[in-house]
Amino acid sequence: KNYGSINWYPVSEPKYWETPLKDVTIQGKSILGEKTRNFSAVFDTGTSILTTPSKYLSIAKSVLEDIGITCQMIQAGQGPKICYHFDKKADICIDNWFMFDDD
């Protein structure tokens, strides 16, 4: 189901859908911080798994704790807005990104 318009992003790696990534934010708080290296995002329509280097996962966990988000809140559909920011391209922001199914 399409929920909006389609945006095109330049591909930096021809083997798969990789594009330069400027920042990732949780509720407006930066995860990548000062840019000390180049970051990339890979779009994969076959999975919903997000991966990141351990250093940035620790930062994301700290941001979640700082804004008072608990695992129970995320499982209840009260997760924070996560945004992926790209140079000169539309941001991709996701609300209600966690779905929990007991089945």
Protein backbone atom coordinates (compact mmCIF):
# COMPACT_ATOMS: atom_id res chain seq x y z
CA LYS A 1 0.00 0.00 0.00
CA ASN A 2 1.43 3.38 -0.99
CA TYR A 3 1.18 6.06 1.71
CA GLY A 4 2.57 8.99 -0.23
CA SER A 5 4.64 10.19 -3.13
CA ILE A 6 7.76 8.49 -4.45
CA ASN A 7 11.10 10.26 -3.97
CA TRP A 8 14.22 9.40 -5.97
CA TYR A 9 17.64 9.26 -4.28
CA PRO A 10 21.01 9.02 -6.03
CA VAL A 11 22.63 5.59 -5.80
CA SER A 12 26.28 5.64 -4.68
CA GLU A 13 26.88 1.89 -4.95
CA PRO A 14 25.60 0.23 -8.13
CA LYS A 15 25.47 -3.28 -6.59
CA TYR A 16 22.61 -2.38 -4.27
CA TRP A 17 20.42 0.59 -3.30
CA GLU A 18 22.91 2.59 -1.24
CA THR A 19 22.72 6.36 -0.87
CA PRO A 20 24.66 8.90 1.22
CA LEU A 21 23.15 9.52 4.66
CA LYS A 22 23.50 12.87 6.44
CA ASP A 23 22.03 12.03 9.87
CA VAL A 24 19.54 9.92 11.79
CA THR A 25 17.43 11.58 14.48
CA ILE A 26 15.14 10.30 17.20
CA GLN A 27 12.59 12.94 18.24
CA GLY A 28 14.93 15.51 16.64
CA LYS A 29 18.04 14.40 18.56
CA SER A 30 21.02 13.44 16.38
CA ILE A 31 22.42 9.94 16.48
CA LEU A 32 25.37 10.48 14.14
CA GLY A 33 26.44 13.81 15.67
CA GLU A 34 29.32 15.67 14.13
CA LYS A 35 30.10 14.13 10.79
CA THR A 36 33.55 12.59 11.09
CA ARG A 37 33.08 10.10 8.27
CA ASN A 38 30.73 9.36 5.40
CA PHE A 39 27.57 7.43 6.23
CA SER A 40 25.30 5.48 3.93
CA ALA A 41 21.81 4.05 3.99
CA VAL A 42 20.84 0.94 2.07
CA PHE A 43 17.23 0.55 0.95
CA ASP A 44 16.04 -3.05 0.98
CA THR A 45 12.42 -3.80 0.19
CA GLY A 46 12.82 -7.40 1.35
CA THR A 47 13.42 -6.74 5.04
CA SER A 48 12.47 -4.42 7.86
CA ILE A 49 15.68 -4.94 9.83
CA LEU A 50 17.72 -1.86 10.71
CA THR A 51 21.42 -2.26 11.41
CA THR A 52 24.00 0.17 12.70
CA PRO A 53 27.53 0.10 14.10
CA SER A 54 27.54 -0.60 17.88
CA LYS A 55 28.78 2.92 18.69
CA TYR A 56 25.66 4.49 17.16
CA LEU A 57 23.33 1.90 18.64
CA SER A 58 24.61 2.92 22.10
CA ILE A 59 23.94 6.57 21.26
CA ALA A 60 20.42 5.70 20.06
CA LYS A 61 19.77 3.79 23.29
CA SER A 62 20.94 6.79 25.32
CA VAL A 63 18.67 9.13 23.35
CA LEU A 64 15.70 6.82 23.95
CA GLU A 65 16.47 6.75 27.67
CA ASP A 66 16.95 10.55 27.80
CA ILE A 67 13.52 11.19 26.28
CA GLY A 68 11.90 8.63 28.59
CA ILE A 69 11.04 5.93 26.05
CA THR A 70 10.72 2.41 27.47
CA CYS A 71 10.47 -0.97 25.73
CA GLN A 72 6.88 -1.22 26.92
CA MET A 73 6.03 2.11 25.29
CA ILE A 74 7.57 0.97 21.99
CA GLN A 75 5.67 -2.32 22.10
CA ALA A 76 2.46 -0.36 22.79
CA GLY A 77 3.01 1.65 19.58
CA GLN A 78 4.26 4.77 21.39
CA GLY A 79 7.73 4.80 19.85
CA PRO A 80 9.35 8.11 18.94
CA LYS A 81 9.63 9.54 15.44
CA ILE A 82 12.80 8.37 13.69
CA CYS A 83 14.05 10.42 10.73
CA TYR A 84 16.70 9.66 8.14
CA HIS A 85 18.22 12.83 6.68
CA PHE A 86 19.82 13.02 3.24
CA ASP A 87 21.76 15.78 1.50
CA LYS A 88 19.45 17.81 -0.74
CA LYS A 89 16.75 15.11 -0.65
CA ALA A 90 13.54 14.66 1.32
CA ASP A 91 13.87 13.25 4.82
CA ILE A 92 12.28 9.90 5.56
CA CYS A 93 10.49 9.99 8.93
CA ILE A 94 8.77 7.03 10.52
CA ASP A 95 6.14 7.12 13.27
CA ASN A 96 4.81 3.96 14.90
CA TRP A 97 7.68 1.92 13.49
CA PHE A 98 7.37 -1.01 15.88
CA MET A 99 4.69 -3.65 15.45
CA PHE A 100 4.30 -6.44 17.99
CA ASP A 101 2.22 -9.47 17.19
CA ASP A 102 1.58 -12.27 19.71
CA ASP A 103 0.51 -14.68 16.95
